[in-house]
């Protein structure tokens, strides 16, 4: 059975890229364009991994990671943060919130998939 990945990304091009890349590597993918839907969609989809953009409108990826980790069923699901932020303080804060990995944009496709495989 294919591993399931929830992809939370508001940028359509990035969302398509991440989802297409994961599907090519035989992952089942659930795209989420609006971060406000992420927790409910994660509860319904029961992913093995969550790929989370950090900079989104309405709710940040950081806030979503905190919310996901507060949910007993989702707390064990690894989160891979993907962001254009490159500052060390940002990475430390995001990891402290519960992200298992941090990948900066623009992404390297090879590094993206290596990180995904390392988390599932």
PDB file of N, CA and C in Angstrom:
ATOM      1  N   UNK A   1       0.830  -1.181   0.000  1.00  0.00           N
ATOM      2  CA  UNK A   1       0.000   0.000   0.000  1.00  0.00           C
ATOM      3  C   UNK A   1       0.878   1.250   0.000  1.00  0.00           C
ATOM      4  N   UNK A   2       0.515   2.205  -0.809  1.00  0.00           N
ATOM      5  CA  UNK A   2       1.314   3.420  -0.946  1.00  0.00           C
ATOM      6  C   UNK A   2       1.264   4.248   0.331  1.00  0.00           C
ATOM      7  N   UNK A   3       2.385   4.839   0.674  1.00  0.00           N
ATOM      8  CA  UNK A   3       2.439   5.774   1.797  1.00  0.00           C
ATOM      9  C   UNK A   3       1.670   7.028   1.406  1.00  0.00           C
ATOM     10  N   UNK A   4       1.012   7.634   2.395  1.00  0.00           N
ATOM     11  CA  UNK A   4       0.164   8.796   2.140  1.00  0.00           C
ATOM     12  C   UNK A   4       0.836  10.073   2.630  1.00  0.00           C
ATOM     13  N   UNK A   5       0.798  11.099   1.746  1.00  0.00           N
ATOM     14  CA  UNK A   5       1.413  12.378   2.065  1.00  0.00           C
ATOM     15  C   UNK A   5       0.386  13.493   1.867  1.00  0.00           C
ATOM     16  N   UNK A   6       0.180  14.279   2.908  1.00  0.00           N
ATOM     17  CA  UNK A   6      -0.646  15.469   2.837  1.00  0.00           C
ATOM     18  C   UNK A   6       0.277  16.625   2.493  1.00  0.00           C
ATOM     19  N   UNK A   7      -0.028  17.370   1.436  1.00  0.00           N
ATOM     20  CA  UNK A   7       0.804  18.495   1.014  1.00  0.00           C
ATOM     21  C   UNK A   7       0.013  19.786   1.226  1.00  0.00           C
ATOM     22  N   UNK A   8       0.504  20.634   2.125  1.00  0.00           N
ATOM     23  CA  UNK A   8      -0.152  21.904   2.447  1.00  0.00           C
ATOM     24  C   UNK A   8       0.687  23.021   1.836  1.00  0.00           C
ATOM     25  N   UNK A   9       0.166  23.636   0.781  1.00  0.00           N
ATOM     26  CA  UNK A   9       0.920  24.643   0.018  1.00  0.00           C
ATOM     27  C   UNK A   9      -0.069  25.549  -0.702  1.00  0.00           C
ATOM     28  N   UNK A  10       0.047  26.855  -0.495  1.00  0.00           N
ATOM     29  CA  UNK A  10      -0.888  27.792  -1.123  1.00  0.00           C
ATOM     30  C   UNK A  10      -0.482  28.184  -2.534  1.00  0.00           C
ATOM     31  N   UNK A  11       0.775  28.023  -2.900  1.00  0.00           N
ATOM     32  CA  UNK A  11       1.240  28.367  -4.238  1.00  0.00           C
ATOM     33  C   UNK A  11       0.921  27.211  -5.187  1.00  0.00           C
ATOM     34  N   UNK A  12       0.094  27.478  -6.196  1.00  0.00           N
ATOM     35  CA  UNK A  12      -0.375  26.428  -7.107  1.00  0.00           C
ATOM     36  C   UNK A  12       0.763  25.697  -7.813  1.00  0.00           C
ATOM     37  N   UNK A  13       1.779  26.438  -8.260  1.00  0.00           N
ATOM     38  CA  UNK A  13       2.890  25.787  -8.966  1.00  0.00           C
ATOM     39  C   UNK A  13       3.669  24.860  -8.044  1.00  0.00           C
ATOM     40  N   UNK A  14       3.945  25.321  -6.833  1.00  0.00           N
ATOM     41  CA  UNK A  14       4.653  24.464  -5.873  1.00  0.00           C
ATOM     42  C   UNK A  14       3.809  23.260  -5.481  1.00  0.00           C
ATOM     43  N   UNK A  15       2.519  23.485  -5.277  1.00  0.00           N
ATOM     44  CA  UNK A  15       1.618  22.384  -4.919  1.00  0.00           C
ATOM     45  C   UNK A  15       1.620  21.318  -6.013  1.00  0.00           C
ATOM     46  N   UNK A  16       1.513  21.751  -7.261  1.00  0.00           N
ATOM     47  CA  UNK A  16       1.527  20.798  -8.381  1.00  0.00           C
ATOM     48  C   UNK A  16       2.865  20.075  -8.461  1.00  0.00           C
ATOM     49  N   UNK A  17       3.956  20.809  -8.312  1.00  0.00           N
ATOM     50  CA  UNK A  17       5.284  20.200  -8.371  1.00  0.00           C
ATOM     51  C   UNK A  17       5.445  19.137  -7.289  1.00  0.00           C
ATOM     52  N   UNK A  18       5.126  19.483  -6.037  1.00  0.00           N
ATOM     53  CA  UNK A  18       5.290  18.535  -4.939  1.00  0.00           C
ATOM     54  C   UNK A  18       4.409  17.306  -5.129  1.00  0.00           C
ATOM     55  N   UNK A  19       3.152  17.535  -5.499  1.00  0.00           N
ATOM     56  CA  UNK A  19       2.219  16.412  -5.676  1.00  0.00           C
ATOM     57  C   UNK A  19       2.634  15.518  -6.839  1.00  0.00           C
ATOM     58  N   UNK A  20       2.991  16.119  -7.968  1.00  0.00           N
ATOM     59  CA  UNK A  20       3.427  15.325  -9.125  1.00  0.00           C
ATOM     60  C   UNK A  20       4.677  14.515  -8.798  1.00  0.00           C
ATOM     61  N   UNK A  21       5.622  15.142  -8.133  1.00  0.00           N
ATOM     62  CA  UNK A  21       6.872  14.467  -7.770  1.00  0.00           C
ATOM     63  C   UNK A  21       6.593  13.282  -6.842  1.00  0.00           C
ATOM     64  N   UNK A  22       5.745  13.489  -5.860  1.00  0.00           N
ATOM     65  CA  UNK A  22       5.405  12.404  -4.937  1.00  0.00           C
ATOM     66  C   UNK A  22       4.650  11.288  -5.639  1.00  0.00           C
ATOM     67  N   UNK A  23       3.728  11.631  -6.515  1.00  0.00           N
ATOM     68  CA  UNK A  23       2.966  10.601  -7.244  1.00  0.00           C
ATOM     69  C   UNK A  23       3.874   9.763  -8.144  1.00  0.00           C
ATOM     70  N   UNK A  24       4.835  10.407  -8.800  1.00  0.00           N
ATOM     71  CA  UNK A  24       5.783   9.686  -9.652  1.00  0.00           C
ATOM     72  C   UNK A  24       6.573   8.663  -8.839  1.00  0.00           C
ATOM     73  N   UNK A  25       6.764   8.963  -7.553  1.00  0.00           N
ATOM     74  CA  UNK A  25       7.490   8.055  -6.666  1.00  0.00           C
ATOM     75  C   UNK A  25       6.535   7.174  -5.860  1.00  0.00           C
ATOM     76  N   UNK A  26       5.328   6.997  -6.375  1.00  0.00           N
ATOM     77  CA  UNK A  26       4.340   6.046  -5.845  1.00  0.00           C
ATOM     78  C   UNK A  26       3.776   6.374  -4.468  1.00  0.00           C
ATOM     79  N   UNK A  27       3.664   7.650  -4.155  1.00  0.00           N
ATOM     80  CA  UNK A  27       2.994   8.067  -2.932  1.00  0.00           C
ATOM     81  C   UNK A  27       1.553   8.441  -3.264  1.00  0.00           C
ATOM     82  N   UNK A  28       0.652   8.190  -2.338  1.00  0.00           N
ATOM     83  CA  UNK A  28      -0.726   8.684  -2.442  1.00  0.00           C
ATOM     84  C   UNK A  28      -0.699  10.091  -1.856  1.00  0.00           C
ATOM     85  N   UNK A  29      -1.265  11.043  -2.577  1.00  0.00           N
ATOM     86  CA  UNK A  29      -1.127  12.447  -2.204  1.00  0.00           C
ATOM     87  C   UNK A  29      -2.489  13.105  -2.028  1.00  0.00           C
ATOM     88  N   UNK A  30      -2.579  13.946  -1.007  1.00  0.00           N
ATOM     89  CA  UNK A  30      -3.765  14.765  -0.752  1.00  0.00           C
ATOM     90  C   UNK A  30      -3.311  16.222  -0.714  1.00  0.00           C
ATOM     91  N   UNK A  31      -3.664  17.028  -1.739  1.00  0.00           N
ATOM     92  CA  UNK A  31      -3.257  18.432  -1.749  1.00  0.00           C
ATOM     93  C   UNK A  31      -4.207  19.297  -0.922  1.00  0.00           C
ATOM     94  N   UNK A  32      -3.635  20.268  -0.216  1.00  0.00           N
ATOM     95  CA  UNK A  32      -4.416  21.239   0.554  1.00  0.00           C
ATOM     96  C   UNK A  32      -3.900  22.632   0.201  1.00  0.00           C
ATOM     97  N   UNK A  33      -4.759  23.445  -0.380  1.00  0.00           N
ATOM     98  CA  UNK A  33      -4.360  24.788  -0.801  1.00  0.00           C
ATOM     99  C   UNK A  33      -4.543  25.831   0.295  1.00  0.00           C
ATOM    100  N   UNK A  34      -5.467  25.604   1.193  1.00  0.00           N
ATOM    101  CA  UNK A  34      -5.800  26.571   2.237  1.00  0.00           C
ATOM    102  C   UNK A  34      -5.425  25.980   3.593  1.00  0.00           C
ATOM    103  N   UNK A  35      -4.456  26.582   4.250  1.00  0.00           N
ATOM    104  CA  UNK A  35      -3.976  26.076   5.525  1.00  0.00           C
ATOM    105  C   UNK A  35      -5.057  25.933   6.581  1.00  0.00           C
ATOM    106  N   UNK A  36      -6.120  26.721   6.454  1.00  0.00           N
ATOM    107  CA  UNK A  36      -7.203  26.638   7.433  1.00  0.00           C
ATOM    108  C   UNK A  36      -7.906  25.285   7.398  1.00  0.00           C
ATOM    109  N   UNK A  37      -7.716  24.535   6.318  1.00  0.00           N
ATOM    110  CA  UNK A  37      -8.321  23.203   6.179  1.00  0.00           C
ATOM    111  C   UNK A  37      -7.365  22.074   6.552  1.00  0.00           C
ATOM    112  N   UNK A  38      -6.130  22.397   6.839  1.00  0.00           N
ATOM    113  CA  UNK A  38      -5.078  21.381   6.966  1.00  0.00           C
ATOM    114  C   UNK A  38      -5.322  20.365   8.079  1.00  0.00           C
ATOM    115  N   UNK A  39      -5.702  20.815   9.258  1.00  0.00           N
ATOM    116  CA  UNK A  39      -5.865  19.880  10.375  1.00  0.00           C
ATOM    117  C   UNK A  39      -7.025  18.925  10.112  1.00  0.00           C
ATOM    118  N   UNK A  40      -8.153  19.458   9.671  1.00  0.00           N
ATOM    119  CA  UNK A  40      -9.312  18.598   9.375  1.00  0.00           C
ATOM    120  C   UNK A  40      -8.997  17.613   8.252  1.00  0.00           C
ATOM    121  N   UNK A  41      -8.297  18.072   7.228  1.00  0.00           N
ATOM    122  CA  UNK A  41      -7.943  17.183   6.118  1.00  0.00           C
ATOM    123  C   UNK A  41      -6.954  16.115   6.589  1.00  0.00           C
ATOM    124  N   UNK A  42      -6.046  16.479   7.466  1.00  0.00           N
ATOM    125  CA  UNK A  42      -5.096  15.504   8.007  1.00  0.00           C
ATOM    126  C   UNK A  42      -5.833  14.459   8.833  1.00  0.00           C
ATOM    127  N   UNK A  43      -6.794  14.876   9.623  1.00  0.00           N
ATOM    128  CA  UNK A  43      -7.575  13.927  10.428  1.00  0.00           C
ATOM    129  C   UNK A  43      -8.328  12.951   9.532  1.00  0.00           C
ATOM    130  N   UNK A  44      -8.874  13.428   8.426  1.00  0.00           N
ATOM    131  CA  UNK A  44      -9.646  12.579   7.517  1.00  0.00           C
ATOM    132  C   UNK A  44      -8.750  11.676   6.669  1.00  0.00           C
ATOM    133  N   UNK A  45      -7.588  12.171   6.252  1.00  0.00           N
ATOM    134  CA  UNK A  45      -6.699  11.455   5.330  1.00  0.00           C
ATOM    135  C   UNK A  45      -5.753  10.491   6.043  1.00  0.00           C
ATOM    136  N   UNK A  46      -5.435  10.762   7.300  1.00  0.00           N
ATOM    137  CA  UNK A  46      -4.497   9.955   8.097  1.00  0.00           C
ATOM    138  C   UNK A  46      -3.178   9.730   7.348  1.00  0.00           C
ATOM    139  N   UNK A  47      -2.435  10.812   7.089  1.00  0.00           N
ATOM    140  CA  UNK A  47      -1.203  10.693   6.314  1.00  0.00           C
ATOM    141  C   UNK A  47      -0.059  10.054   7.091  1.00  0.00           C
ATOM    142  N   UNK A  48       0.907   9.543   6.328  1.00  0.00           N
ATOM    143  CA  UNK A  48       2.150   9.037   6.904  1.00  0.00           C
ATOM    144  C   UNK A  48       3.171  10.165   7.042  1.00  0.00           C
ATOM    145  N   UNK A  49       2.939  11.257   6.294  1.00  0.00           N
ATOM    146  CA  UNK A  49       3.834  12.409   6.283  1.00  0.00           C
ATOM    147  C   UNK A  49       3.020  13.637   5.899  1.00  0.00           C
ATOM    148  N   UNK A  50       3.396  14.788   6.456  1.00  0.00           N
ATOM    149  CA  UNK A  50       2.788  16.058   6.061  1.00  0.00           C
ATOM    150  C   UNK A  50       3.908  16.969   5.565  1.00  0.00           C
ATOM    151  N   UNK A  51       3.756  17.449   4.326  1.00  0.00           N
ATOM    152  CA  UNK A  51       4.676  18.427   3.756  1.00  0.00           C
ATOM    153  C   UNK A  51       3.993  19.783   3.937  1.00  0.00           C
ATOM    154  N   UNK A  52       4.633  20.689   4.665  1.00  0.00           N
ATOM    155  CA  UNK A  52       3.995  21.918   5.103  1.00  0.00           C
ATOM    156  C   UNK A  52       4.755  23.160   4.665  1.00  0.00           C
ATOM    157  N   UNK A  53       4.105  23.989   3.847  1.00  0.00           N
ATOM    158  CA  UNK A  53       4.650  25.314   3.560  1.00  0.00           C
ATOM    159  C   UNK A  53       4.547  26.126   4.845  1.00  0.00           C
ATOM    160  N   UNK A  54       5.483  27.000   5.090  1.00  0.00           N
ATOM    161  CA  UNK A  54       5.464  27.787   6.319  1.00  0.00           C
ATOM    162  C   UNK A  54       4.800  29.146   6.106  1.00  0.00           C
ATOM    163  N   UNK A  55       5.062  29.777   4.979  1.00  0.00           N
ATOM    164  CA  UNK A  55       4.531  31.108   4.731  1.00  0.00           C
ATOM    165  C   UNK A  55       3.268  31.009   3.876  1.00  0.00           C
ATOM    166  N   UNK A  56       2.112  31.121   4.543  1.00  0.00           N
ATOM    167  CA  UNK A  56       0.818  31.052   3.856  1.00  0.00           C
ATOM    168  C   UNK A  56      -0.093  32.144   4.396  1.00  0.00           C
ATOM    169  N   UNK A  57      -1.101  32.520   3.621  1.00  0.00           N
ATOM    170  CA  UNK A  57      -2.069  33.493   4.140  1.00  0.00           C
ATOM    171  C   UNK A  57      -2.985  32.849   5.179  1.00  0.00           C
ATOM    172  N   UNK A  58      -3.574  33.646   6.022  1.00  0.00           N
ATOM    173  CA  UNK A  58      -4.563  33.263   7.039  1.00  0.00           C
ATOM    174  C   UNK A  58      -3.974  32.515   8.224  1.00  0.00           C
ATOM    175  N   UNK A  59      -3.153  31.514   7.985  1.00  0.00           N
ATOM    176  CA  UNK A  59      -2.548  30.745   9.073  1.00  0.00           C
ATOM    177  C   UNK A  59      -1.160  30.305   8.606  1.00  0.00           C
ATOM    178  N   UNK A  60      -0.186  30.406   9.494  1.00  0.00           N
ATOM    179  CA  UNK A  60       1.176  30.031   9.100  1.00  0.00           C
ATOM    180  C   UNK A  60       1.384  28.534   9.274  1.00  0.00           C
ATOM    181  N   UNK A  61       2.362  28.026   8.564  1.00  0.00           N
ATOM    182  CA  UNK A  61       2.733  26.630   8.739  1.00  0.00           C
ATOM    183  C   UNK A  61       3.199  26.348  10.152  1.00  0.00           C
ATOM    184  N   UNK A  62       3.861  27.322  10.754  1.00  0.00           N
ATOM    185  CA  UNK A  62       4.297  27.182  12.140  1.00  0.00           C
ATOM    186  C   UNK A  62       3.094  26.931  13.049  1.00  0.00           C
ATOM    187  N   UNK A  63       2.044  27.745  12.898  1.00  0.00           N
ATOM    188  CA  UNK A  63       0.826  27.583  13.707  1.00  0.00           C
ATOM    189  C   UNK A  63       0.178  26.226  13.455  1.00  0.00           C
ATOM    190  N   UNK A  64       0.208  25.786  12.207  1.00  0.00           N
ATOM    191  CA  UNK A  64      -0.382  24.490  11.869  1.00  0.00           C
ATOM    192  C   UNK A  64       0.413  23.335  12.470  1.00  0.00           C
ATOM    193  N   UNK A  65       1.721  23.444  12.480  1.00  0.00           N
ATOM    194  CA  UNK A  65       2.540  22.391  13.089  1.00  0.00           C
ATOM    195  C   UNK A  65       2.193  22.269  14.572  1.00  0.00           C
ATOM    196  N   UNK A  66       2.079  23.395  15.240  1.00  0.00           N
ATOM    197  CA  UNK A  66       1.714  23.389  16.664  1.00  0.00           C
ATOM    198  C   UNK A  66       0.346  22.723  16.850  1.00  0.00           C
ATOM    199  N   UNK A  67      -0.619  23.072  15.986  1.00  0.00           N
ATOM    200  CA  UNK A  67      -1.964  22.483  16.084  1.00  0.00           C
ATOM    201  C   UNK A  67      -1.937  20.984  15.795  1.00  0.00           C
ATOM    202  N   UNK A  68      -1.173  20.567  14.804  1.00  0.00           N
ATOM    203  CA  UNK A  68      -1.081  19.145  14.470  1.00  0.00           C
ATOM    204  C   UNK A  68      -0.463  18.360  15.620  1.00  0.00           C
ATOM    205  N   UNK A  69       0.562  18.904  16.238  1.00  0.00           N
ATOM    206  CA  UNK A  69       1.242  18.212  17.328  1.00  0.00           C
ATOM    207  C   UNK A  69       0.388  18.172  18.594  1.00  0.00           C
ATOM    208  N   UNK A  70      -0.614  19.037  18.678  1.00  0.00           N
ATOM    209  CA  UNK A  70      -1.526  19.033  19.827  1.00  0.00           C
ATOM    210  C   UNK A  70      -2.630  17.991  19.681  1.00  0.00           C
ATOM    211  N   UNK A  71      -2.791  17.432  18.487  1.00  0.00           N
ATOM    212  CA  UNK A  71      -3.803  16.409  18.219  1.00  0.00           C
ATOM    213  C   UNK A  71      -3.160  15.042  18.451  1.00  0.00           C
ATOM    214  N   UNK A  72      -3.703  14.266  19.368  1.00  0.00           N
ATOM    215  CA  UNK A  72      -3.088  12.989  19.749  1.00  0.00           C
ATOM    216  C   UNK A  72      -2.876  12.056  18.554  1.00  0.00           C
ATOM    217  N   UNK A  73      -3.836  12.000  17.648  1.00  0.00           N
ATOM    218  CA  UNK A  73      -3.729  11.090  16.501  1.00  0.00           C
ATOM    219  C   UNK A  73      -2.703  11.581  15.476  1.00  0.00           C
ATOM    220  N   UNK A  74      -2.521  12.888  15.380  1.00  0.00           N
ATOM    221  CA  UNK A  74      -1.621  13.447  14.364  1.00  0.00           C
ATOM    222  C   UNK A  74      -0.227  13.760  14.905  1.00  0.00           C
ATOM    223  N   UNK A  75      -0.077  13.764  16.214  1.00  0.00           N
ATOM    224  CA  UNK A  75       1.203  14.148  16.822  1.00  0.00           C
ATOM    225  C   UNK A  75       2.359  13.264  16.360  1.00  0.00           C
ATOM    226  N   UNK A  76       2.062  12.026  16.019  1.00  0.00           N
ATOM    227  CA  UNK A  76       3.127  11.092  15.612  1.00  0.00           C
ATOM    228  C   UNK A  76       3.489  11.213  14.130  1.00  0.00           C
ATOM    229  N   UNK A  77       2.700  11.947  13.365  1.00  0.00           N
ATOM    230  CA  UNK A  77       2.953  12.088  11.930  1.00  0.00           C
ATOM    231  C   UNK A  77       4.087  13.092  11.731  1.00  0.00           C
ATOM    232  N   UNK A  78       5.167  12.682  11.051  1.00  0.00           N
ATOM    233  CA  UNK A  78       6.254  13.631  10.825  1.00  0.00           C
ATOM    234  C   UNK A  78       5.826  14.759   9.893  1.00  0.00           C
ATOM    235  N   UNK A  79       6.349  15.950  10.154  1.00  0.00           N
ATOM    236  CA  UNK A  79       6.080  17.123   9.330  1.00  0.00           C
ATOM    237  C   UNK A  79       7.388  17.576   8.701  1.00  0.00           C
ATOM    238  N   UNK A  80       7.359  17.756   7.389  1.00  0.00           N
ATOM    239  CA  UNK A  80       8.495  18.298   6.657  1.00  0.00           C
ATOM    240  C   UNK A  80       8.155  19.726   6.275  1.00  0.00           C
ATOM    241  N   UNK A  81       8.816  20.688   6.891  1.00  0.00           N
ATOM    242  CA  UNK A  81       8.588  22.097   6.600  1.00  0.00           C
ATOM    243  C   UNK A  81       9.330  22.470   5.320  1.00  0.00           C
ATOM    244  N   UNK A  82       8.623  23.183   4.443  1.00  0.00           N
ATOM    245  CA  UNK A  82       9.217  23.660   3.197  1.00  0.00           C
ATOM    246  C   UNK A  82       8.983  25.161   3.155  1.00  0.00           C
ATOM    247  N   UNK A  83      10.066  25.926   3.057  1.00  0.00           N
ATOM    248  CA  UNK A  83       9.898  27.373   3.143  1.00  0.00           C
ATOM    249  C   UNK A  83      10.993  28.137   2.431  1.00  0.00           C
ATOM    250  N   UNK A  84      10.665  29.356   2.066  1.00  0.00           N
ATOM    251  CA  UNK A  84      11.665  30.252   1.479  1.00  0.00           C
ATOM    252  C   UNK A  84      12.500  30.906   2.561  1.00  0.00           C
ATOM    253  N   UNK A  85      12.032  30.836   3.818  1.00  0.00           N
ATOM    254  CA  UNK A  85      12.826  31.367   4.930  1.00  0.00           C
ATOM    255  C   UNK A  85      14.125  30.578   5.013  1.00  0.00           C
ATOM    256  N   UNK A  86      15.205  31.274   5.199  1.00  0.00           N
ATOM    257  CA  UNK A  86      16.484  30.579   5.289  1.00  0.00           C
ATOM    258  C   UNK A  86      17.228  30.900   6.571  1.00  0.00           C
ATOM    259  N   UNK A  87      16.635  31.724   7.415  1.00  0.00           N
ATOM    260  CA  UNK A  87      17.322  32.123   8.638  1.00  0.00           C
ATOM    261  C   UNK A  87      17.430  30.993   9.644  1.00  0.00           C
ATOM    262  N   UNK A  88      18.534  30.956  10.359  1.00  0.00           N
ATOM    263  CA  UNK A  88      18.765  29.899  11.345  1.00  0.00           C
ATOM    264  C   UNK A  88      17.726  29.952  12.460  1.00  0.00           C
ATOM    265  N   UNK A  89      17.357  31.154  12.888  1.00  0.00           N
ATOM    266  CA  UNK A  89      16.346  31.288  13.939  1.00  0.00           C
ATOM    267  C   UNK A  89      15.005  30.704  13.487  1.00  0.00           C
ATOM    268  N   UNK A  90      14.661  30.932  12.228  1.00  0.00           N
ATOM    269  CA  UNK A  90      13.410  30.390  11.696  1.00  0.00           C
ATOM    270  C   UNK A  90      13.427  28.868  11.718  1.00  0.00           C
ATOM    271  N   UNK A  91      14.522  28.288  11.260  1.00  0.00           N
ATOM    272  CA  UNK A  91      14.617  26.829  11.241  1.00  0.00           C
ATOM    273  C   UNK A  91      14.527  26.260  12.657  1.00  0.00           C
ATOM    274  N   UNK A  92      15.213  26.858  13.596  1.00  0.00           N
ATOM    275  CA  UNK A  92      15.177  26.368  14.974  1.00  0.00           C
ATOM    276  C   UNK A  92      13.775  26.471  15.566  1.00  0.00           C
ATOM    277  N   UNK A  93      13.080  27.575  15.292  1.00  0.00           N
ATOM    278  CA  UNK A  93      11.717  27.780  15.797  1.00  0.00           C
ATOM    279  C   UNK A  93      10.761  26.756  15.198  1.00  0.00           C
ATOM    280  N   UNK A  94      10.908  26.491  13.904  1.00  0.00           N
ATOM    281  CA  UNK A  94      10.039  25.535  13.218  1.00  0.00           C
ATOM    282  C   UNK A  94      10.302  24.115  13.717  1.00  0.00           C
ATOM    283  N   UNK A  95      11.562  23.772  13.921  1.00  0.00           N
ATOM    284  CA  UNK A  95      11.894  22.451  14.467  1.00  0.00           C
ATOM    285  C   UNK A  95      11.398  22.319  15.912  1.00  0.00           C
ATOM    286  N   UNK A  96      11.502  23.393  16.676  1.00  0.00           N
ATOM    287  CA  UNK A  96      11.027  23.369  18.066  1.00  0.00           C
ATOM    288  C   UNK A  96       9.513  23.175  18.125  1.00  0.00           C
ATOM    289  N   UNK A  97       8.793  23.651  17.115  1.00  0.00           N
ATOM    290  CA  UNK A  97       7.339  23.477  17.062  1.00  0.00           C
ATOM    291  C   UNK A  97       6.965  22.026  16.784  1.00  0.00           C
ATOM    292  N   UNK A  98       7.900  21.258  16.209  1.00  0.00           N
ATOM    293  CA  UNK A  98       7.633  19.849  15.967  1.00  0.00           C
ATOM    294  C   UNK A  98       7.950  19.350  14.577  1.00  0.00           C
ATOM    295  N   UNK A  99       8.484  20.198  13.714  1.00  0.00           N
ATOM    296  CA  UNK A  99       8.840  19.734  12.368  1.00  0.00           C
ATOM    297  C   UNK A  99      10.021  18.767  12.456  1.00  0.00           C
ATOM    298  N   UNK A 100       9.913  17.651  11.754  1.00  0.00           N
ATOM    299  CA  UNK A 100      10.974  16.640  11.751  1.00  0.00           C
ATOM    300  C   UNK A 100      12.079  16.972  10.756  1.00  0.00           C
ATOM    301  N   UNK A 101      11.749  17.802   9.758  1.00  0.00           N
ATOM    302  CA  UNK A 101      12.728  18.168   8.736  1.00  0.00           C
ATOM    303  C   UNK A 101      12.397  19.555   8.206  1.00  0.00           C
ATOM    304  N   UNK A 102      13.383  20.166   7.591  1.00  0.00           N
ATOM    305  CA  UNK A 102      13.268  21.542   7.100  1.00  0.00           C
ATOM    306  C   UNK A 102      13.967  21.603   5.754  1.00  0.00           C
ATOM    307  N   UNK A 103      13.240  21.964   4.699  1.00  0.00           N
ATOM    308  CA  UNK A 103      13.808  22.070   3.354  1.00  0.00           C
ATOM    309  C   UNK A 103      13.527  23.479   2.849  1.00  0.00           C
ATOM    310  N   UNK A 104      14.570  24.163   2.381  1.00  0.00           N
ATOM    311  CA  UNK A 104      14.376  25.534   1.920  1.00  0.00           C
ATOM    312  C   UNK A 104      14.093  25.576   0.422  1.00  0.00           C
ATOM    313  N   UNK A 105      13.305  26.582   0.042  1.00  0.00           N
ATOM    314  CA  UNK A 105      12.996  26.835  -1.362  1.00  0.00           C
ATOM    315  C   UNK A 105      14.028  27.821  -1.894  1.00  0.00           C
ATOM    316  N   UNK A 106      14.349  27.763  -3.173  1.00  0.00           N
ATOM    317  CA  UNK A 106      13.861  26.766  -4.125  1.00  0.00           C
ATOM    318  C   UNK A 106      14.405  25.389  -3.774  1.00  0.00           C
ATOM    319  N   UNK A 107      13.565  24.398  -3.938  1.00  0.00           N
ATOM    320  CA  UNK A 107      13.947  23.057  -3.517  1.00  0.00           C
ATOM    321  C   UNK A 107      14.796  22.361  -4.571  1.00  0.00           C
ATOM    322  N   UNK A 108      15.614  21.465  -4.077  1.00  0.00           N
ATOM    323  CA  UNK A 108      16.301  20.510  -4.928  1.00  0.00           C
ATOM    324  C   UNK A 108      15.393  19.282  -4.961  1.00  0.00           C
ATOM    325  N   UNK A 109      15.013  18.828  -6.147  1.00  0.00           N
ATOM    326  CA  UNK A 109      14.112  17.677  -6.256  1.00  0.00           C
ATOM    327  C   UNK A 109      14.709  16.441  -5.599  1.00  0.00           C
ATOM    328  N   UNK A 110      16.005  16.256  -5.757  1.00  0.00           N
ATOM    329  CA  UNK A 110      16.667  15.097  -5.162  1.00  0.00           C
ATOM    330  C   UNK A 110      16.625  15.202  -3.637  1.00  0.00           C
ATOM    331  N   UNK A 111      16.962  16.365  -3.102  1.00  0.00           N
ATOM    332  CA  UNK A 111      16.948  16.547  -1.640  1.00  0.00           C
ATOM    333  C   UNK A 111      15.535  16.416  -1.091  1.00  0.00           C
ATOM    334  N   UNK A 112      14.560  16.947  -1.807  1.00  0.00           N
ATOM    335  CA  UNK A 112      13.162  16.843  -1.391  1.00  0.00           C
ATOM    336  C   UNK A 112      12.778  15.376  -1.221  1.00  0.00           C
ATOM    337  N   UNK A 113      13.049  14.553  -2.237  1.00  0.00           N
ATOM    338  CA  UNK A 113      12.673  13.131  -2.184  1.00  0.00           C
ATOM    339  C   UNK A 113      13.510  12.363  -1.163  1.00  0.00           C
ATOM    340  N   UNK A 114      14.773  12.700  -1.012  1.00  0.00           N
ATOM    341  CA  UNK A 114      15.601  12.046   0.015  1.00  0.00           C
ATOM    342  C   UNK A 114      15.031  12.324   1.402  1.00  0.00           C
ATOM    343  N   UNK A 115      14.599  13.545   1.625  1.00  0.00           N
ATOM    344  CA  UNK A 115      14.033  13.924   2.921  1.00  0.00           C
ATOM    345  C   UNK A 115      12.719  13.214   3.140  1.00  0.00           C
ATOM    346  N   UNK A 116      11.863  13.168   2.130  1.00  0.00           N
ATOM    347  CA  UNK A 116      10.578  12.444   2.233  1.00  0.00           C
ATOM    348  C   UNK A 116      10.835  10.995   2.587  1.00  0.00           C
ATOM    349  N   UNK A 117      11.714  10.349   1.850  1.00  0.00           N
ATOM    350  CA  UNK A 117      12.010   8.917   2.099  1.00  0.00           C
ATOM    351  C   UNK A 117      12.581   8.687   3.496  1.00  0.00           C
ATOM    352  N   UNK A 118      13.362   9.631   3.980  1.00  0.00           N
ATOM    353  CA  UNK A 118      13.935   9.516   5.309  1.00  0.00           C
ATOM    354  C   UNK A 118      12.901   9.640   6.417  1.00  0.00           C
ATOM    355  N   UNK A 119      11.756  10.233   6.109  1.00  0.00           N
ATOM    356  CA  UNK A 119      10.720  10.454   7.121  1.00  0.00           C
ATOM    357  C   UNK A 119       9.615   9.414   7.118  1.00  0.00           C
ATOM    358  N   UNK A 120       9.447   8.692   6.018  1.00  0.00           N
ATOM    359  CA  UNK A 120       8.387   7.680   5.969  1.00  0.00           C
ATOM    360  C   UNK A 120       8.965   6.323   6.021  1.00  0.00           C
TER     361      UNK A 120
END
